[in-house]
PDB file of N, CA and C in Angstrom:
ATOM      1  N   MET A   1      83.042 -23.405   6.973  1.00  0.00           N
ATOM      2  CA  MET A   1      82.283 -24.268   5.785  1.00  0.00           C
ATOM      3  C   MET A   1      82.915 -24.157   4.415  1.00  0.00           C
ATOM      4  N   ALA A   2      83.114 -25.022   3.752  1.00  0.00           N
ATOM      5  CA  ALA A   2      84.159 -25.121   2.614  1.00  0.00           C
ATOM      6  C   ALA A   2      82.766 -24.070   1.205  1.00  0.00           C
ATOM      7  N   LYS A   3      83.446 -23.493   0.366  1.00  0.00           N
ATOM      8  CA  LYS A   3      82.417 -22.747  -0.344  1.00  0.00           C
ATOM      9  C   LYS A   3      82.058 -23.929  -1.598  1.00  0.00           C
ATOM     10  N   LEU A   4      80.946 -24.294  -2.181  1.00  0.00           N
ATOM     11  CA  LEU A   4      80.790 -24.470  -2.995  1.00  0.00           C
ATOM     12  C   LEU A   4      81.193 -24.565  -4.433  1.00  0.00           C
ATOM     13  N   GLU A   5      81.280 -25.137  -5.702  1.00  0.00           N
ATOM     14  CA  GLU A   5      81.718 -25.342  -6.690  1.00  0.00           C
ATOM     15  C   GLU A   5      80.873 -26.072  -7.625  1.00  0.00           C
ATOM     16  N   ILE A   6      80.094 -24.894  -8.478  1.00  0.00           N
ATOM     17  CA  ILE A   6      79.293 -25.274  -8.985  1.00  0.00           C
ATOM     18  C   ILE A   6      79.592 -25.116 -10.970  1.00  0.00           C
ATOM     19  N   SER A   7      78.501 -26.399 -11.193  1.00  0.00           N
ATOM     20  CA  SER A   7      79.417 -26.163 -12.812  1.00  0.00           C
ATOM     21  C   SER A   7      77.377 -27.054 -13.276  1.00  0.00           C
ATOM     22  N   VAL A   8      77.809 -26.184 -14.576  1.00  0.00           N
ATOM     23  CA  VAL A   8      76.386 -26.239 -15.145  1.00  0.00           C
ATOM     24  C   VAL A   8      76.449 -26.422 -17.166  1.00  0.00           C
ATOM     25  N   GLU A   9      76.259 -27.625 -17.448  1.00  0.00           N
ATOM     26  CA  GLU A   9      76.770 -28.226 -18.695  1.00  0.00           C
ATOM     27  C   GLU A   9      75.287 -27.849 -19.301  1.00  0.00           C
ATOM     28  N   TYR A  10      75.374 -27.091 -20.614  1.00  0.00           N
ATOM     29  CA  TYR A  10      73.991 -27.022 -21.457  1.00  0.00           C
ATOM     30  C   TYR A  10      74.236 -26.984 -22.862  1.00  0.00           C
ATOM     31  N   CYS A  11      72.871 -27.453 -23.274  1.00  0.00           N
ATOM     32  CA  CYS A  11      72.655 -27.747 -24.868  1.00  0.00           C
ATOM     33  C   CYS A  11      72.868 -26.143 -25.362  1.00  0.00           C
ATOM     34  N   ALA A  12      74.319 -26.138 -26.376  1.00  0.00           N
ATOM     35  CA  ALA A  12      74.147 -24.619 -26.622  1.00  0.00           C
ATOM     36  C   ALA A  12      73.270 -24.956 -27.943  1.00  0.00           C
ATOM     37  N   SER A  13      73.482 -25.687 -28.899  1.00  0.00           N
ATOM     38  CA  SER A  13      72.660 -25.881 -29.751  1.00  0.00           C
ATOM     39  C   SER A  13      71.188 -25.989 -30.014  1.00  0.00           C
ATOM     40  N   CYS A  14      70.572 -26.329 -28.499  1.00  0.00           N
ATOM     41  CA  CYS A  14      69.179 -26.272 -28.066  1.00  0.00           C
ATOM     42  C   CYS A  14      68.749 -24.915 -27.492  1.00  0.00           C
ATOM     43  N   ASN A  15      70.226 -24.104 -27.257  1.00  0.00           N
ATOM     44  CA  ASN A  15      69.625 -22.412 -26.605  1.00  0.00           C
ATOM     45  C   ASN A  15      68.858 -23.011 -25.415  1.00  0.00           C
ATOM     46  N   TYR A  16      70.055 -23.920 -24.520  1.00  0.00           N
ATOM     47  CA  TYR A  16      69.473 -24.102 -22.762  1.00  0.00           C
ATOM     48  C   TYR A  16      70.131 -23.440 -22.076  1.00  0.00           C
ATOM     49  N   LEU A  17      70.835 -21.940 -22.597  1.00  0.00           N
ATOM     50  CA  LEU A  17      71.691 -20.885 -22.101  1.00  0.00           C
ATOM     51  C   LEU A  17      70.933 -19.516 -21.604  1.00  0.00           C
ATOM     52  N   PRO A  18      70.034 -19.619 -22.196  1.00  0.00           N
ATOM     53  CA  PRO A  18      68.662 -18.650 -21.159  1.00  0.00           C
ATOM     54  C   PRO A  18      68.395 -18.935 -20.268  1.00  0.00           C
ATOM     55  N   ARG A  19      67.812 -20.689 -20.279  1.00  0.00           N
ATOM     56  CA  ARG A  19      67.288 -21.188 -18.991  1.00  0.00           C
ATOM     57  C   ARG A  19      68.442 -21.925 -17.959  1.00  0.00           C
ATOM     58  N   ALA A  20      69.659 -21.968 -18.311  1.00  0.00           N
ATOM     59  CA  ALA A  20      70.432 -22.049 -17.243  1.00  0.00           C
ATOM     60  C   ALA A  20      71.330 -20.785 -16.690  1.00  0.00           C
ATOM     61  N   LEU A  21      71.456 -19.642 -17.618  1.00  0.00           N
ATOM     62  CA  LEU A  21      71.198 -18.191 -16.744  1.00  0.00           C
ATOM     63  C   LEU A  21      70.773 -17.932 -16.077  1.00  0.00           C
ATOM     64  N   TRP A  22      68.890 -18.175 -16.466  1.00  0.00           N
ATOM     65  CA  TRP A  22      68.226 -17.599 -15.396  1.00  0.00           C
ATOM     66  C   TRP A  22      68.044 -18.073 -14.210  1.00  0.00           C
ATOM     67  N   MET A  23      68.758 -19.760 -14.379  1.00  0.00           N
ATOM     68  CA  MET A  23      68.407 -20.630 -12.769  1.00  0.00           C
ATOM     69  C   MET A  23      69.772 -20.394 -12.500  1.00  0.00           C
ATOM     70  N   ALA A  24      71.203 -19.762 -13.073  1.00  0.00           N
ATOM     71  CA  ALA A  24      71.973 -19.774 -12.083  1.00  0.00           C
ATOM     72  C   ALA A  24      71.960 -18.139 -11.398  1.00  0.00           C
ATOM     73  N   GLY A  25      71.025 -17.267 -11.930  1.00  0.00           N
ATOM     74  CA  GLY A  25      70.625 -15.763 -11.226  1.00  0.00           C
ATOM     75  C   GLY A  25      70.188 -16.082 -10.048  1.00  0.00           C
ATOM     76  N   GLU A  26      68.755 -16.721 -10.044  1.00  0.00           N
ATOM     77  CA  GLU A  26      68.336 -17.463  -9.084  1.00  0.00           C
ATOM     78  C   GLU A  26      69.096 -17.923  -7.926  1.00  0.00           C
ATOM     79  N   ILE A  27      69.873 -18.850  -7.488  1.00  0.00           N
ATOM     80  CA  ILE A  27      70.329 -19.491  -7.267  1.00  0.00           C
ATOM     81  C   ILE A  27      71.558 -18.659  -6.662  1.00  0.00           C
ATOM     82  N   LEU A  28      72.674 -18.144  -7.427  1.00  0.00           N
ATOM     83  CA  LEU A  28      73.920 -17.086  -7.231  1.00  0.00           C
ATOM     84  C   LEU A  28      73.039 -16.109  -6.184  1.00  0.00           C
ATOM     85  N   THR A  29      71.811 -15.396  -6.450  1.00  0.00           N
ATOM     86  CA  THR A  29      71.378 -14.849  -5.551  1.00  0.00           C
ATOM     87  C   THR A  29      71.374 -14.340  -4.351  1.00  0.00           C
ATOM     88  N   GLU A  30      71.121 -16.187  -3.781  1.00  0.00           N
ATOM     89  CA  GLU A  30      71.192 -16.203  -2.647  1.00  0.00           C
ATOM     90  C   GLU A  30      71.456 -16.781  -1.907  1.00  0.00           C
ATOM     91  N   ILE A  31      73.202 -17.434  -2.832  1.00  0.00           N
ATOM     92  CA  ILE A  31      74.043 -18.248  -1.990  1.00  0.00           C
ATOM     93  C   ILE A  31      75.315 -17.881  -2.834  1.00  0.00           C
ATOM     94  N   GLN A  32      75.148 -16.617  -3.430  1.00  0.00           N
ATOM     95  CA  GLN A  32      76.458 -15.699  -3.630  1.00  0.00           C
ATOM     96  C   GLN A  32      78.086 -16.213  -2.948  1.00  0.00           C
ATOM     97  N   PHE A  33      78.253 -15.953  -1.772  1.00  0.00           N
ATOM     98  CA  PHE A  33      78.980 -15.673  -0.766  1.00  0.00           C
ATOM     99  C   PHE A  33      79.161 -17.249  -0.417  1.00  0.00           C
ATOM    100  N   ASP A  34      78.907 -18.017  -0.217  1.00  0.00           N
ATOM    101  CA  ASP A  34      78.886 -19.712  -0.337  1.00  0.00           C
ATOM    102  C   ASP A  34      79.506 -20.031  -1.697  1.00  0.00           C
ATOM    103  N   VAL A  35      79.785 -19.562  -2.799  1.00  0.00           N
ATOM    104  CA  VAL A  35      80.074 -20.376  -3.568  1.00  0.00           C
ATOM    105  C   VAL A  35      81.761 -19.742  -4.369  1.00  0.00           C
ATOM    106  N   SER A  36      82.374 -20.453  -5.046  1.00  0.00           N
ATOM    107  CA  SER A  36      84.041 -20.239  -4.894  1.00  0.00           C
ATOM    108  C   SER A  36      83.905 -20.001  -6.347  1.00  0.00           C
ATOM    109  N   ARG A  37      82.882 -20.787  -7.167  1.00  0.00           N
ATOM    110  CA  ARG A  37      83.238 -21.483  -8.317  1.00  0.00           C
ATOM    111  C   ARG A  37      81.759 -21.337  -9.259  1.00  0.00           C
ATOM    112  N   PHE A  38      81.498 -20.721 -10.095  1.00  0.00           N
ATOM    113  CA  PHE A  38      80.898 -21.427 -11.053  1.00  0.00           C
ATOM    114  C   PHE A  38      80.565 -21.156 -12.572  1.00  0.00           C
ATOM    115  N   ASP A  39      80.615 -22.286 -13.008  1.00  0.00           N
ATOM    116  CA  ASP A  39      81.147 -22.892 -14.470  1.00  0.00           C
ATOM    117  C   ASP A  39      79.938 -22.852 -15.233  1.00  0.00           C
ATOM    118  N   LEU A  40      79.850 -22.168 -16.090  1.00  0.00           N
ATOM    119  CA  LEU A  40      78.530 -22.797 -17.830  1.00  0.00           C
ATOM    120  C   LEU A  40      79.327 -23.215 -18.644  1.00  0.00           C
ATOM    121  N   VAL A  41      78.949 -24.369 -18.794  1.00  0.00           N
ATOM    122  CA  VAL A  41      79.669 -25.584 -20.310  1.00  0.00           C
ATOM    123  C   VAL A  41      79.128 -25.691 -20.758  1.00  0.00           C
ATOM    124  N   PRO A  42      79.035 -25.066 -22.593  1.00  0.00           N
ATOM    125  CA  PRO A  42      78.342 -25.192 -23.580  1.00  0.00           C
ATOM    126  C   PRO A  42      78.869 -26.808 -24.149  1.00  0.00           C
ATOM    127  N   GLY A  43      77.782 -27.677 -23.937  1.00  0.00           N
ATOM    128  CA  GLY A  43      77.675 -28.692 -24.343  1.00  0.00           C
ATOM    129  C   GLY A  43      76.602 -29.043 -25.770  1.00  0.00           C
ATOM    130  N   ASP A  44      76.399 -30.442 -26.409  1.00  0.00           N
ATOM    131  CA  ASP A  44      75.209 -30.298 -27.084  1.00  0.00           C
ATOM    132  C   ASP A  44      74.868 -31.701 -26.794  1.00  0.00           C
ATOM    133  N   MET A  45      73.794 -32.214 -27.407  1.00  0.00           N
ATOM    134  CA  MET A  45      72.838 -33.780 -27.730  1.00  0.00           C
ATOM    135  C   MET A  45      72.127 -32.998 -25.888  1.00  0.00           C
ATOM    136  N   GLY A  46      70.887 -32.170 -26.062  1.00  0.00           N
ATOM    137  CA  GLY A  46      70.725 -31.756 -25.425  1.00  0.00           C
ATOM    138  C   GLY A  46      70.784 -32.126 -23.947  1.00  0.00           C
ATOM    139  N   VAL A  47      71.898 -31.788 -23.383  1.00  0.00           N
ATOM    140  CA  VAL A  47      72.173 -32.328 -21.867  1.00  0.00           C
ATOM    141  C   VAL A  47      72.120 -30.849 -21.401  1.00  0.00           C
ATOM    142  N   PHE A  48      71.468 -31.352 -20.098  1.00  0.00           N
ATOM    143  CA  PHE A  48      71.552 -30.068 -19.348  1.00  0.00           C
ATOM    144  C   PHE A  48      71.981 -30.751 -17.800  1.00  0.00           C
ATOM    145  N   GLU A  49      73.050 -30.376 -17.094  1.00  0.00           N
ATOM    146  CA  GLU A  49      73.492 -31.080 -15.889  1.00  0.00           C
ATOM    147  C   GLU A  49      73.892 -30.278 -15.131  1.00  0.00           C
ATOM    148  N   TRP A  50      73.702 -30.283 -13.900  1.00  0.00           N
ATOM    149  CA  TRP A  50      73.920 -29.426 -12.779  1.00  0.00           C
ATOM    150  C   TRP A  50      74.963 -30.258 -11.885  1.00  0.00           C
ATOM    151  N   SER A  51      76.347 -29.954 -11.468  1.00  0.00           N
ATOM    152  CA  SER A  51      76.993 -30.344 -10.587  1.00  0.00           C
ATOM    153  C   SER A  51      77.280 -29.556  -9.388  1.00  0.00           C
ATOM    154  N   VAL A  52      77.697 -29.959  -8.272  1.00  0.00           N
ATOM    155  CA  VAL A  52      78.188 -29.211  -6.798  1.00  0.00           C
ATOM    156  C   VAL A  52      79.265 -30.125  -6.846  1.00  0.00           C
ATOM    157  N   GLY A  53      80.717 -29.607  -6.742  1.00  0.00           N
ATOM    158  CA  GLY A  53      82.204 -30.114  -6.657  1.00  0.00           C
ATOM    159  C   GLY A  53      82.228 -31.626  -6.975  1.00  0.00           C
ATOM    160  N   GLY A  54      81.988 -31.985  -8.152  1.00  0.00           N
ATOM    161  CA  GLY A  54      82.015 -32.939  -9.620  1.00  0.00           C
ATOM    162  C   GLY A  54      80.914 -33.676  -9.275  1.00  0.00           C
ATOM    163  N   GLU A  55      79.909 -33.949  -8.217  1.00  0.00           N
ATOM    164  CA  GLU A  55      78.833 -34.936  -7.690  1.00  0.00           C
ATOM    165  C   GLU A  55      77.744 -33.958  -8.560  1.00  0.00           C
ATOM    166  N   PRO A  56      77.013 -34.943  -9.453  1.00  0.00           N
ATOM    167  CA  PRO A  56      76.095 -34.574  -9.878  1.00  0.00           C
ATOM    168  C   PRO A  56      74.628 -34.396  -9.465  1.00  0.00           C
ATOM    169  N   VAL A  57      74.060 -33.166  -9.290  1.00  0.00           N
ATOM    170  CA  VAL A  57      72.048 -33.028  -8.422  1.00  0.00           C
ATOM    171  C   VAL A  57      71.796 -32.752  -9.265  1.00  0.00           C
ATOM    172  N   PHE A  58      71.624 -32.943 -10.428  1.00  0.00           N
ATOM    173  CA  PHE A  58      70.411 -32.984 -11.588  1.00  0.00           C
ATOM    174  C   PHE A  58      71.102 -33.185 -12.793  1.00  0.00           C
ATOM    175  N   SER A  59      70.151 -34.299 -13.605  1.00  0.00           N
ATOM    176  CA  SER A  59      70.749 -34.780 -14.675  1.00  0.00           C
ATOM    177  C   SER A  59      69.623 -34.853 -15.724  1.00  0.00           C
ATOM    178  N   LYS A  60      69.401 -33.624 -16.211  1.00  0.00           N
ATOM    179  CA  LYS A  60      68.288 -33.699 -17.775  1.00  0.00           C
ATOM    180  C   LYS A  60      68.116 -35.142 -18.508  1.00  0.00           C
ATOM    181  N   SER A  61      69.221 -35.413 -18.591  1.00  0.00           N
ATOM    182  CA  SER A  61      69.511 -36.726 -18.866  1.00  0.00           C
ATOM    183  C   SER A  61      68.971 -38.095 -18.775  1.00  0.00           C
ATOM    184  N   ALA A  62      68.952 -38.084 -17.532  1.00  0.00           N
ATOM    185  CA  ALA A  62      68.405 -39.385 -16.363  1.00  0.00           C
ATOM    186  C   ALA A  62      66.781 -38.781 -15.883  1.00  0.00           C
ATOM    187  N   THR A  63      66.613 -38.098 -16.225  1.00  0.00           N
ATOM    188  CA  THR A  63      65.382 -37.684 -16.013  1.00  0.00           C
ATOM    189  C   THR A  63      64.041 -37.321 -16.657  1.00  0.00           C
ATOM    190  N   GLY A  64      65.200 -37.027 -17.914  1.00  0.00           N
ATOM    191  CA  GLY A  64      63.770 -36.705 -19.200  1.00  0.00           C
ATOM    192  C   GLY A  64      63.333 -35.344 -18.867  1.00  0.00           C
ATOM    193  N   ARG A  65      63.743 -34.498 -18.648  1.00  0.00           N
ATOM    194  CA  ARG A  65      62.994 -33.082 -18.480  1.00  0.00           C
ATOM    195  C   ARG A  65      63.981 -32.036 -17.262  1.00  0.00           C
ATOM    196  N   PHE A  66      63.399 -30.993 -17.535  1.00  0.00           N
ATOM    197  CA  PHE A  66      64.047 -30.197 -16.758  1.00  0.00           C
ATOM    198  C   PHE A  66      64.010 -30.079 -15.625  1.00  0.00           C
ATOM    199  N   PRO A  67      64.817 -28.955 -14.194  1.00  0.00           N
ATOM    200  CA  PRO A  67      64.375 -29.543 -13.506  1.00  0.00           C
ATOM    201  C   PRO A  67      63.725 -27.898 -13.091  1.00  0.00           C
ATOM    202  N   ASP A  68      62.655 -28.134 -11.759  1.00  0.00           N
ATOM    203  CA  ASP A  68      61.771 -27.482 -11.303  1.00  0.00           C
ATOM    204  C   ASP A  68      62.722 -26.426 -10.197  1.00  0.00           C
ATOM    205  N   ILE A  69      63.259 -24.904 -10.894  1.00  0.00           N
ATOM    206  CA  ILE A  69      63.919 -24.454  -9.761  1.00  0.00           C
ATOM    207  C   ILE A  69      64.065 -24.112  -8.296  1.00  0.00           C
ATOM    208  N   GLU A  70      63.115 -24.785  -7.809  1.00  0.00           N
ATOM    209  CA  GLU A  70      62.675 -25.092  -6.124  1.00  0.00           C
ATOM    210  C   GLU A  70      63.528 -26.499  -5.895  1.00  0.00           C
ATOM    211  N   GLU A  71      63.471 -27.282  -6.711  1.00  0.00           N
ATOM    212  CA  GLU A  71      64.084 -28.825  -7.079  1.00  0.00           C
ATOM    213  C   GLU A  71      65.526 -28.221  -7.094  1.00  0.00           C
ATOM    214  N   LEU A  72      65.982 -27.867  -7.920  1.00  0.00           N
ATOM    215  CA  LEU A  72      67.443 -27.760  -7.858  1.00  0.00           C
ATOM    216  C   LEU A  72      68.087 -26.866  -7.051  1.00  0.00           C
ATOM    217  N   LYS A  73      67.110 -25.903  -6.438  1.00  0.00           N
ATOM    218  CA  LYS A  73      67.795 -24.656  -5.055  1.00  0.00           C
ATOM    219  C   LYS A  73      68.008 -26.050  -3.790  1.00  0.00           C
ATOM    220  N   GLU A  74      66.710 -26.806  -3.705  1.00  0.00           N
ATOM    221  CA  GLU A  74      67.041 -27.669  -2.687  1.00  0.00           C
ATOM    222  C   GLU A  74      68.454 -28.595  -2.743  1.00  0.00           C
ATOM    223  N   ALA A  75      68.514 -29.203  -3.960  1.00  0.00           N
ATOM    224  CA  ALA A  75      69.637 -30.336  -4.037  1.00  0.00           C
ATOM    225  C   ALA A  75      70.937 -29.083  -3.768  1.00  0.00           C
ATOM    226  N   ILE A  76      71.145 -28.331  -4.188  1.00  0.00           N
ATOM    227  CA  ILE A  76      72.378 -27.632  -4.311  1.00  0.00           C
ATOM    228  C   ILE A  76      72.899 -27.092  -2.902  1.00  0.00           C
ATOM    229  N   TYR A  77      71.313 -26.203  -2.347  1.00  0.00           N
ATOM    230  CA  TYR A  77      71.547 -26.093  -0.773  1.00  0.00           C
ATOM    231  C   TYR A  77      71.947 -27.088   0.272  1.00  0.00           C
ATOM    232  N   ALA A  78      71.612 -28.005   0.094  1.00  0.00           N
ATOM    233  CA  ALA A  78      71.866 -29.702   0.466  1.00  0.00           C
ATOM    234  C   ALA A  78      73.873 -29.624   0.632  1.00  0.00           C
ATOM    235  N   LYS A  79      73.769 -28.922  -0.316  1.00  0.00           N
ATOM    236  CA  LYS A  79      75.436 -29.201  -0.133  1.00  0.00           C
ATOM    237  C   LYS A  79      76.314 -28.281   1.035  1.00  0.00           C
ATOM    238  N   LEU A  80      74.926 -27.125   1.614  1.00  0.00           N
ATOM    239  CA  LEU A  80      76.232 -26.345   2.230  1.00  0.00           C
ATOM    240  C   LEU A  80      75.757 -26.986   3.581  1.00  0.00           C
ATOM    241  N   GLU A  81      74.734 -28.035   3.913  1.00  0.00           N
ATOM    242  CA  GLU A  81      74.808 -28.505   5.255  1.00  0.00           C
ATOM    243  C   GLU A  81      76.236 -29.442   5.809  1.00  0.00           C
TER     244      GLU A  81
END
């Protein structure tokens, strides 16, 4: 099984970093050995986007909200199958 490459683009000026770090910690605690790369990318304009292998798994701009941690875990863990 290939290891996951996860990327989080968050709005730095909106102070979304703490939320991104908390969610990253929740996810990495459970699947850290299945991840080859984890990028935190500062952005702007209210962005909060998660992708796995370059494929979006959650977009705040598309949904108008932040992800629930369980919803985010489910979307990312599905990429392990």
